[in-house]
Every structure is written in structure tokens, then in C-alpha cells.
Amino acid sequence: LSLSPTKDINVAYRQPCPVMALVHPDHPLAKKKSVSLAQLHPYPIALPEKNTTVRQLFDICCSRTNLLFEPVLESNNIAPLSNFTQFGGGIHFGGEISCRHQISSHKIVAIPIKDRGMDIRNIEVQTLSGRTLPAAVKVFLDFLVNKMKSEEPL
């Protein structure tokens, strides 16, 4: 997941990966087309650790809007965050592509966040600049890019 270019890296594929609010299908906000961070404030939330792009963008946007959230769960692993949402009814945050399987199986709902800045992240498939990829790696890269472009779960 990228916010800016990196030296000596070739971007083979890039697509937007905005931060979404992820909720249980029965959550009061689940039918919303989009939400603001202020609308999420009354609900329990789970956050990734501060070294992730999700958390960095969340913290910047909260600072900009003068919102203070007290997460009930913080984790460096997506599984507890996802389980919190699936079984506890709270909200966690992430990109659609990383939660595509749970979304397609109707375990969670992804809601776009309309606050400025929550949409500036991209997901990239990267290779080293100047490197000739072996045929098998090129086939895998093409497969990966096609899966990312599709709406099917990874």
C-alpha cells in the first residue's frame, strides 16, 4: 500500500485503495452509501497499529476534524479487527480489496468514508526497477493483477 513513489521500484499495477469503514451487515450504518468520521464517533471502533497507512490516514483525518476516538481494540493483525466487526458489531477500517472475501460472503459491509484524505491510498504490485522477470513470475504477476482488477474475492 503506497502513499508516495519509492526509489528503484517499478509499479507494475496501481489501483486506488481508499480506507473504508467496515461494519457488520446488521450495524445501524450498514445501509449508508457513505459516512463521515463524525458519524462513526458514537460506535465502538477497532484500529490497526500506528505504523499502518490505515491508521496514519485515520489519525490525520481525525486531527483535521478535531475528533478524538478511543478504540476498544488495537491490533497489528487484521484477523482480530475483522472478527471484532463480524462478531462484536463494532467498526474497523481497511481497504475493499483486503476484505473482499468477507464482503462477498456478506460477513461485513464496506462503507466509503467521505472525509478528505481517507481516499489517497493506492495498492500497488511492485517489482525492482531494471529487473527482467522470469517467465513464471511474469505469469504470476499477470494473474495477480487480473485478480485485483476483478471484483471476485482473492
N, C-alpha and C. Protein backbone atom coordinates (compact mmCIF):
# COMPACT_ATOMS: atom_id res chain seq x y z
N LEU A 1 0.86 -1.17 0.00
CA LEU A 1 0.00 0.00 0.00
C LEU A 1 0.89 1.22 0.00
N SER A 2 0.58 2.14 -0.85
CA SER A 2 1.51 3.22 -1.09
C SER A 2 0.84 4.58 -0.98
N LEU A 3 1.60 5.51 -0.43
CA LEU A 3 1.18 6.91 -0.41
C LEU A 3 2.06 7.77 -1.31
N SER A 4 3.26 7.24 -1.65
CA SER A 4 4.19 8.01 -2.47
C SER A 4 5.12 7.07 -3.22
N PRO A 5 5.80 7.57 -4.27
CA PRO A 5 6.73 6.74 -5.03
C PRO A 5 7.93 6.31 -4.18
N THR A 6 8.55 5.19 -4.57
CA THR A 6 9.74 4.68 -3.89
C THR A 6 10.85 4.50 -4.91
N LYS A 7 12.06 4.89 -4.54
CA LYS A 7 13.22 4.78 -5.42
C LYS A 7 13.48 3.32 -5.78
N ASP A 8 13.88 3.08 -7.03
CA ASP A 8 14.27 1.76 -7.55
C ASP A 8 13.13 0.75 -7.55
N ILE A 9 11.90 1.24 -7.54
CA ILE A 9 10.74 0.37 -7.59
C ILE A 9 9.94 0.68 -8.85
N ASN A 10 9.60 -0.36 -9.58
CA ASN A 10 8.73 -0.24 -10.75
C ASN A 10 7.32 -0.64 -10.32
N VAL A 11 6.36 0.21 -10.61
CA VAL A 11 4.97 -0.10 -10.29
C VAL A 11 4.36 -0.80 -11.51
N ALA A 12 4.13 -2.10 -11.39
CA ALA A 12 3.56 -2.89 -12.47
C ALA A 12 2.06 -2.66 -12.58
N TYR A 13 1.43 -2.34 -11.46
CA TYR A 13 0.00 -2.09 -11.45
C TYR A 13 -0.34 -1.26 -10.21
N ARG A 14 -1.28 -0.34 -10.36
CA ARG A 14 -1.72 0.51 -9.24
C ARG A 14 -3.23 0.70 -9.35
N GLN A 15 -3.89 0.61 -8.20
CA GLN A 15 -5.31 0.95 -8.17
C GLN A 15 -5.62 1.64 -6.85
N PRO A 16 -6.61 2.52 -6.86
CA PRO A 16 -6.99 3.20 -5.61
C PRO A 16 -7.41 2.18 -4.55
N CYS A 17 -7.08 2.49 -3.31
CA CYS A 17 -7.44 1.63 -2.18
C CYS A 17 -7.82 2.52 -1.00
N PRO A 18 -8.95 3.23 -1.14
CA PRO A 18 -9.35 4.13 -0.06
C PRO A 18 -9.65 3.36 1.22
N VAL A 19 -9.49 4.04 2.34
CA VAL A 19 -9.83 3.46 3.63
C VAL A 19 -11.35 3.49 3.77
N MET A 20 -11.93 2.34 4.10
CA MET A 20 -13.38 2.19 4.24
C MET A 20 -13.72 1.87 5.69
N ALA A 21 -14.93 2.22 6.08
CA ALA A 21 -15.47 1.77 7.37
C ALA A 21 -16.07 0.39 7.13
N LEU A 22 -15.68 -0.57 7.94
CA LEU A 22 -16.15 -1.96 7.78
C LEU A 22 -17.04 -2.29 8.96
N VAL A 23 -18.29 -2.67 8.65
CA VAL A 23 -19.29 -2.91 9.68
C VAL A 23 -20.00 -4.24 9.44
N HIS A 24 -20.65 -4.75 10.48
CA HIS A 24 -21.48 -5.94 10.37
C HIS A 24 -22.72 -5.58 9.54
N PRO A 25 -23.26 -6.51 8.75
CA PRO A 25 -24.45 -6.20 7.95
C PRO A 25 -25.65 -5.70 8.75
N ASP A 26 -25.73 -6.03 10.05
CA ASP A 26 -26.84 -5.56 10.89
C ASP A 26 -26.52 -4.24 11.61
N HIS A 27 -25.36 -3.68 11.38
CA HIS A 27 -24.96 -2.44 12.03
C HIS A 27 -25.88 -1.31 11.57
N PRO A 28 -26.21 -0.35 12.45
CA PRO A 28 -27.09 0.76 12.06
C PRO A 28 -26.61 1.56 10.84
N LEU A 29 -25.31 1.57 10.57
CA LEU A 29 -24.79 2.34 9.43
C LEU A 29 -24.64 1.50 8.16
N ALA A 30 -24.91 0.22 8.21
CA ALA A 30 -24.62 -0.69 7.11
C ALA A 30 -25.31 -0.32 5.79
N LYS A 31 -26.41 0.35 5.82
CA LYS A 31 -27.14 0.70 4.59
C LYS A 31 -26.73 2.06 4.03
N LYS A 32 -25.84 2.76 4.72
CA LYS A 32 -25.41 4.08 4.24
C LYS A 32 -24.54 3.94 2.99
N LYS A 33 -24.68 4.89 2.06
CA LYS A 33 -23.85 4.90 0.85
C LYS A 33 -22.44 5.41 1.16
N SER A 34 -22.33 6.31 2.14
CA SER A 34 -21.04 6.79 2.63
C SER A 34 -21.27 7.37 4.03
N VAL A 35 -20.16 7.51 4.76
CA VAL A 35 -20.24 8.06 6.11
C VAL A 35 -19.08 9.02 6.34
N SER A 36 -19.25 9.87 7.32
CA SER A 36 -18.16 10.73 7.76
C SER A 36 -17.58 10.12 9.03
N LEU A 37 -16.39 10.54 9.38
CA LEU A 37 -15.80 10.08 10.64
C LEU A 37 -16.67 10.51 11.82
N ALA A 38 -17.26 11.68 11.74
CA ALA A 38 -18.14 12.15 12.82
C ALA A 38 -19.32 11.21 13.03
N GLN A 39 -19.85 10.62 11.95
CA GLN A 39 -20.97 9.68 12.08
C GLN A 39 -20.53 8.37 12.75
N LEU A 40 -19.25 8.06 12.68
CA LEU A 40 -18.72 6.82 13.28
C LEU A 40 -18.41 6.99 14.76
N HIS A 41 -18.30 8.23 15.20
CA HIS A 41 -17.83 8.52 16.55
C HIS A 41 -18.62 7.84 17.66
N PRO A 42 -19.94 7.71 17.58
CA PRO A 42 -20.69 7.10 18.69
C PRO A 42 -20.49 5.58 18.84
N TYR A 43 -19.87 4.93 17.88
CA TYR A 43 -19.78 3.47 17.86
C TYR A 43 -18.41 2.98 18.31
N PRO A 44 -18.34 1.76 18.87
CA PRO A 44 -17.03 1.20 19.22
C PRO A 44 -16.22 0.91 17.96
N ILE A 45 -14.93 1.24 18.02
CA ILE A 45 -14.06 1.01 16.86
C ILE A 45 -12.83 0.20 17.26
N ALA A 46 -12.29 -0.47 16.26
CA ALA A 46 -11.02 -1.18 16.38
C ALA A 46 -10.07 -0.60 15.35
N LEU A 47 -8.83 -0.40 15.74
CA LEU A 47 -7.85 0.22 14.85
C LEU A 47 -6.59 -0.63 14.73
N PRO A 48 -5.94 -0.57 13.57
CA PRO A 48 -4.62 -1.19 13.46
C PRO A 48 -3.60 -0.33 14.18
N GLU A 49 -2.40 -0.87 14.33
CA GLU A 49 -1.34 -0.10 14.98
C GLU A 49 -0.96 1.13 14.17
N LYS A 50 -0.26 2.05 14.82
CA LYS A 50 0.04 3.36 14.24
C LYS A 50 0.98 3.32 13.03
N ASN A 51 1.67 2.23 12.77
CA ASN A 51 2.61 2.17 11.65
C ASN A 51 1.95 1.77 10.33
N THR A 52 0.63 1.64 10.29
CA THR A 52 -0.07 1.26 9.06
C THR A 52 -0.61 2.49 8.35
N THR A 53 -0.78 2.39 7.02
CA THR A 53 -1.34 3.52 6.28
C THR A 53 -2.78 3.79 6.71
N VAL A 54 -3.54 2.75 7.04
CA VAL A 54 -4.92 2.95 7.50
C VAL A 54 -4.93 3.84 8.73
N ARG A 55 -4.10 3.49 9.70
CA ARG A 55 -4.07 4.25 10.96
C ARG A 55 -3.54 5.66 10.74
N GLN A 56 -2.51 5.79 9.92
CA GLN A 56 -1.94 7.11 9.67
C GLN A 56 -2.96 8.05 9.04
N LEU A 57 -3.68 7.57 8.03
CA LEU A 57 -4.70 8.40 7.39
C LEU A 57 -5.85 8.69 8.35
N PHE A 58 -6.26 7.68 9.13
CA PHE A 58 -7.32 7.87 10.12
C PHE A 58 -6.92 8.95 11.12
N ASP A 59 -5.71 8.86 11.67
CA ASP A 59 -5.25 9.83 12.66
C ASP A 59 -5.16 11.24 12.08
N ILE A 60 -4.67 11.36 10.85
CA ILE A 60 -4.56 12.68 10.20
C ILE A 60 -5.95 13.28 10.01
N CYS A 61 -6.88 12.48 9.51
CA CYS A 61 -8.24 12.99 9.27
C CYS A 61 -8.96 13.33 10.57
N CYS A 62 -8.74 12.54 11.61
CA CYS A 62 -9.33 12.85 12.91
C CYS A 62 -8.77 14.15 13.46
N SER A 63 -7.48 14.35 13.30
CA SER A 63 -6.85 15.58 13.75
C SER A 63 -7.42 16.78 13.00
N ARG A 64 -7.56 16.63 11.71
CA ARG A 64 -8.08 17.71 10.86
C ARG A 64 -9.51 18.09 11.25
N THR A 65 -10.31 17.10 11.66
CA THR A 65 -11.72 17.35 12.00
C THR A 65 -11.93 17.50 13.50
N ASN A 66 -10.82 17.47 14.26
CA ASN A 66 -10.87 17.63 15.71
C ASN A 66 -11.72 16.55 16.41
N LEU A 67 -11.59 15.31 15.92
CA LEU A 67 -12.30 14.17 16.53
C LEU A 67 -11.31 13.33 17.32
N LEU A 68 -11.72 12.92 18.50
CA LEU A 68 -10.90 12.04 19.32
C LEU A 68 -11.65 10.73 19.50
N PHE A 69 -11.09 9.64 18.97
CA PHE A 69 -11.67 8.32 19.13
C PHE A 69 -10.88 7.56 20.18
N GLU A 70 -11.56 6.78 20.98
CA GLU A 70 -10.93 5.87 21.94
C GLU A 70 -11.21 4.45 21.46
N PRO A 71 -10.27 3.83 20.73
CA PRO A 71 -10.53 2.49 20.23
C PRO A 71 -10.69 1.48 21.38
N VAL A 72 -11.59 0.53 21.19
CA VAL A 72 -11.75 -0.52 22.20
C VAL A 72 -10.80 -1.68 21.92
N LEU A 73 -10.20 -1.68 20.71
CA LEU A 73 -9.25 -2.72 20.34
C LEU A 73 -8.23 -2.12 19.38
N GLU A 74 -6.96 -2.45 19.60
CA GLU A 74 -5.89 -2.13 18.66
C GLU A 74 -5.11 -3.41 18.42
N SER A 75 -4.74 -3.64 17.15
CA SER A 75 -4.02 -4.86 16.83
C SER A 75 -3.11 -4.64 15.63
N ASN A 76 -2.05 -5.43 15.57
CA ASN A 76 -1.16 -5.41 14.42
C ASN A 76 -1.53 -6.50 13.42
N ASN A 77 -2.69 -7.13 13.64
CA ASN A 77 -3.14 -8.24 12.80
C ASN A 77 -4.58 -7.97 12.36
N ILE A 78 -4.88 -8.19 11.10
CA ILE A 78 -6.22 -7.92 10.57
C ILE A 78 -7.27 -8.88 11.12
N ALA A 79 -6.90 -10.11 11.48
CA ALA A 79 -7.89 -11.11 11.92
C ALA A 79 -8.67 -10.66 13.15
N PRO A 80 -8.04 -10.19 14.23
CA PRO A 80 -8.83 -9.73 15.37
C PRO A 80 -9.71 -8.52 15.04
N LEU A 81 -9.22 -7.64 14.18
CA LEU A 81 -10.02 -6.48 13.79
C LEU A 81 -11.27 -6.92 13.03
N SER A 82 -11.07 -7.83 12.10
CA SER A 82 -12.19 -8.36 11.31
C SER A 82 -13.17 -9.14 12.19
N ASN A 83 -12.64 -9.95 13.09
CA ASN A 83 -13.51 -10.71 14.00
C ASN A 83 -14.30 -9.78 14.91
N PHE A 84 -13.67 -8.71 15.35
CA PHE A 84 -14.35 -7.71 16.16
C PHE A 84 -15.60 -7.20 15.44
N THR A 85 -15.45 -6.92 14.17
CA THR A 85 -16.58 -6.43 13.38
C THR A 85 -17.60 -7.53 13.11
N GLN A 86 -17.12 -8.70 12.70
CA GLN A 86 -18.03 -9.79 12.36
C GLN A 86 -18.83 -10.30 13.55
N PHE A 87 -18.21 -10.33 14.72
CA PHE A 87 -18.87 -10.95 15.87
C PHE A 87 -19.25 -9.96 16.98
N GLY A 88 -18.68 -8.76 16.95
CA GLY A 88 -18.94 -7.83 18.03
C GLY A 88 -19.76 -6.63 17.66
N GLY A 89 -19.97 -6.42 16.38
CA GLY A 89 -20.80 -5.31 15.97
C GLY A 89 -20.12 -3.96 15.92
N GLY A 90 -18.81 -3.90 16.16
CA GLY A 90 -18.10 -2.64 16.09
C GLY A 90 -17.62 -2.35 14.68
N ILE A 91 -16.82 -1.32 14.56
CA ILE A 91 -16.32 -0.86 13.26
C ILE A 91 -14.80 -1.02 13.23
N HIS A 92 -14.29 -1.52 12.12
CA HIS A 92 -12.85 -1.42 11.87
C HIS A 92 -12.66 -0.81 10.49
N PHE A 93 -11.42 -0.59 10.10
CA PHE A 93 -11.13 0.15 8.88
C PHE A 93 -10.16 -0.61 8.01
N GLY A 94 -10.33 -0.49 6.71
CA GLY A 94 -9.42 -1.15 5.78
C GLY A 94 -9.84 -0.87 4.35
N GLY A 95 -9.12 -1.49 3.43
CA GLY A 95 -9.43 -1.36 2.02
C GLY A 95 -10.35 -2.48 1.55
N GLU A 96 -11.12 -2.18 0.54
CA GLU A 96 -12.06 -3.17 -0.01
C GLU A 96 -11.34 -4.42 -0.47
N ILE A 97 -10.20 -4.26 -1.11
CA ILE A 97 -9.52 -5.41 -1.69
C ILE A 97 -9.05 -6.40 -0.62
N SER A 98 -8.66 -5.90 0.54
CA SER A 98 -8.17 -6.80 1.60
C SER A 98 -9.31 -7.50 2.33
N CYS A 99 -10.53 -7.02 2.15
CA CYS A 99 -11.70 -7.61 2.83
C CYS A 99 -12.70 -8.17 1.83
N ARG A 100 -12.30 -8.31 0.59
CA ARG A 100 -13.21 -8.70 -0.48
C ARG A 100 -13.94 -10.02 -0.18
N HIS A 101 -13.23 -10.98 0.40
CA HIS A 101 -13.86 -12.27 0.69
C HIS A 101 -14.98 -12.11 1.73
N GLN A 102 -14.73 -11.38 2.80
CA GLN A 102 -15.75 -11.17 3.84
C GLN A 102 -16.93 -10.35 3.29
N ILE A 103 -16.64 -9.40 2.41
CA ILE A 103 -17.71 -8.59 1.81
C ILE A 103 -18.57 -9.46 0.90
N SER A 104 -17.94 -10.25 0.03
CA SER A 104 -18.70 -11.08 -0.91
C SER A 104 -19.49 -12.18 -0.20
N SER A 105 -19.03 -12.60 0.97
CA SER A 105 -19.77 -13.62 1.73
C SER A 105 -20.74 -12.98 2.73
N HIS A 106 -20.91 -11.66 2.63
CA HIS A 106 -21.87 -10.89 3.43
C HIS A 106 -21.59 -10.96 4.94
N LYS A 107 -20.32 -11.12 5.30
CA LYS A 107 -19.94 -11.10 6.72
C LYS A 107 -19.73 -9.68 7.20
N ILE A 108 -19.30 -8.80 6.28
CA ILE A 108 -19.12 -7.38 6.60
C ILE A 108 -19.58 -6.53 5.41
N VAL A 109 -19.78 -5.26 5.68
CA VAL A 109 -20.15 -4.28 4.66
C VAL A 109 -19.08 -3.20 4.67
N ALA A 110 -18.63 -2.81 3.48
CA ALA A 110 -17.64 -1.73 3.35
C ALA A 110 -18.35 -0.44 2.97
N ILE A 111 -18.13 0.60 3.76
CA ILE A 111 -18.78 1.89 3.51
C ILE A 111 -17.69 2.94 3.23
N PRO A 112 -17.76 3.61 2.09
CA PRO A 112 -16.80 4.68 1.83
C PRO A 112 -16.88 5.78 2.90
N ILE A 113 -15.71 6.31 3.23
CA ILE A 113 -15.63 7.42 4.20
C ILE A 113 -15.41 8.69 3.39
N LYS A 114 -16.30 9.67 3.59
CA LYS A 114 -16.27 10.86 2.74
C LYS A 114 -15.31 11.95 3.21
N ASP A 115 -14.68 11.78 4.36
CA ASP A 115 -13.72 12.80 4.82
C ASP A 115 -12.52 12.86 3.86
N ARG A 116 -12.11 14.09 3.55
CA ARG A 116 -10.97 14.31 2.66
C ARG A 116 -9.72 13.66 3.25
N GLY A 117 -9.03 12.90 2.43
CA GLY A 117 -7.79 12.27 2.85
C GLY A 117 -7.89 10.78 3.10
N MET A 118 -9.10 10.27 3.28
CA MET A 118 -9.25 8.83 3.51
C MET A 118 -9.20 8.05 2.20
N ASP A 119 -9.06 8.76 1.09
CA ASP A 119 -9.09 8.13 -0.22
C ASP A 119 -7.79 8.29 -1.01
N ILE A 120 -6.70 8.66 -0.34
CA ILE A 120 -5.47 8.96 -1.08
C ILE A 120 -4.49 7.80 -1.18
N ARG A 121 -4.88 6.65 -0.71
CA ARG A 121 -4.01 5.49 -0.69
C ARG A 121 -4.20 4.66 -1.97
N ASN A 122 -3.10 4.05 -2.45
CA ASN A 122 -3.15 3.13 -3.58
C ASN A 122 -2.57 1.80 -3.16
N ILE A 123 -3.05 0.74 -3.80
CA ILE A 123 -2.42 -0.56 -3.64
C ILE A 123 -1.65 -0.83 -4.92
N GLU A 124 -0.43 -1.31 -4.78
CA GLU A 124 0.45 -1.48 -5.94
C GLU A 124 1.05 -2.88 -5.97
N VAL A 125 1.27 -3.34 -7.19
CA VAL A 125 2.10 -4.51 -7.42
C VAL A 125 3.43 -3.94 -7.90
N GLN A 126 4.49 -4.25 -7.17
CA GLN A 126 5.78 -3.63 -7.43
C GLN A 126 6.84 -4.67 -7.77
N THR A 127 7.78 -4.26 -8.60
CA THR A 127 8.97 -5.06 -8.88
C THR A 127 10.17 -4.13 -8.78
N LEU A 128 11.34 -4.71 -8.71
CA LEU A 128 12.55 -3.90 -8.70
C LEU A 128 12.78 -3.31 -10.08
N SER A 129 13.15 -2.04 -10.14
CA SER A 129 13.43 -1.39 -11.42
C SER A 129 14.60 -2.08 -12.10
N GLY A 130 14.51 -2.21 -13.41
CA GLY A 130 15.59 -2.78 -14.20
C GLY A 130 15.71 -4.29 -14.14
N ARG A 131 14.81 -4.94 -13.45
CA ARG A 131 14.89 -6.40 -13.31
C ARG A 131 14.05 -7.05 -14.40
N THR A 132 14.63 -8.05 -15.06
CA THR A 132 13.87 -8.85 -16.03
C THR A 132 13.25 -10.00 -15.27
N LEU A 133 11.94 -10.07 -15.30
CA LEU A 133 11.23 -11.10 -14.54
C LEU A 133 11.28 -12.44 -15.26
N PRO A 134 11.53 -13.52 -14.52
CA PRO A 134 11.43 -14.85 -15.11
C PRO A 134 10.01 -15.09 -15.61
N ALA A 135 9.84 -15.97 -16.56
CA ALA A 135 8.54 -16.23 -17.18
C ALA A 135 7.48 -16.62 -16.14
N ALA A 136 7.84 -17.47 -15.19
CA ALA A 136 6.87 -17.91 -14.18
C ALA A 136 6.42 -16.73 -13.31
N VAL A 137 7.34 -15.85 -12.99
CA VAL A 137 6.99 -14.68 -12.18
C VAL A 137 6.10 -13.74 -12.98
N LYS A 138 6.39 -13.58 -14.27
CA LYS A 138 5.55 -12.73 -15.13
C LYS A 138 4.13 -13.29 -15.22
N VAL A 139 3.98 -14.61 -15.34
CA VAL A 139 2.66 -15.24 -15.37
C VAL A 139 1.93 -14.97 -14.06
N PHE A 140 2.65 -15.13 -12.93
CA PHE A 140 2.03 -14.88 -11.63
C PHE A 140 1.63 -13.40 -11.49
N LEU A 141 2.50 -12.51 -11.93
CA LEU A 141 2.21 -11.08 -11.86
C LEU A 141 0.94 -10.76 -12.66
N ASP A 142 0.81 -11.31 -13.86
CA ASP A 142 -0.38 -11.09 -14.67
C ASP A 142 -1.63 -11.64 -13.99
N PHE A 143 -1.50 -12.83 -13.39
CA PHE A 143 -2.61 -13.44 -12.66
C PHE A 143 -3.04 -12.55 -11.49
N LEU A 144 -2.07 -12.08 -10.72
CA LEU A 144 -2.34 -11.24 -9.56
C LEU A 144 -3.04 -9.94 -9.97
N VAL A 145 -2.54 -9.30 -11.00
CA VAL A 145 -3.14 -8.05 -11.47
C VAL A 145 -4.58 -8.29 -11.93
N ASN A 146 -4.81 -9.36 -12.67
CA ASN A 146 -6.17 -9.67 -13.14
C ASN A 146 -7.11 -9.93 -11.96
N LYS A 147 -6.64 -10.61 -10.92
CA LYS A 147 -7.47 -10.85 -9.73
C LYS A 147 -7.76 -9.54 -9.01
N MET A 148 -6.79 -8.66 -8.93
CA MET A 148 -7.01 -7.38 -8.27
C MET A 148 -8.02 -6.53 -9.04
N LYS A 149 -7.99 -6.59 -10.36
CA LYS A 149 -8.91 -5.82 -11.18
C LYS A 149 -10.34 -6.36 -11.10
N SER A 150 -10.47 -7.66 -10.89
CA SER A 150 -11.81 -8.26 -10.83
C SER A 150 -12.46 -7.94 -9.48
N GLU A 151 -13.73 -8.18 -9.38
CA GLU A 151 -14.42 -7.96 -8.12
C GLU A 151 -14.57 -9.26 -7.35
N GLU A 152 -13.97 -10.32 -7.85
CA GLU A 152 -14.02 -11.61 -7.17
C GLU A 152 -13.08 -11.61 -5.96
N PRO A 153 -13.42 -12.38 -4.92
CA PRO A 153 -12.51 -12.48 -3.77
C PRO A 153 -11.16 -13.04 -4.20
N LEU A 154 -10.12 -12.57 -3.56
CA LEU A 154 -8.76 -13.05 -3.85
C LEU A 154 -8.55 -14.44 -3.28
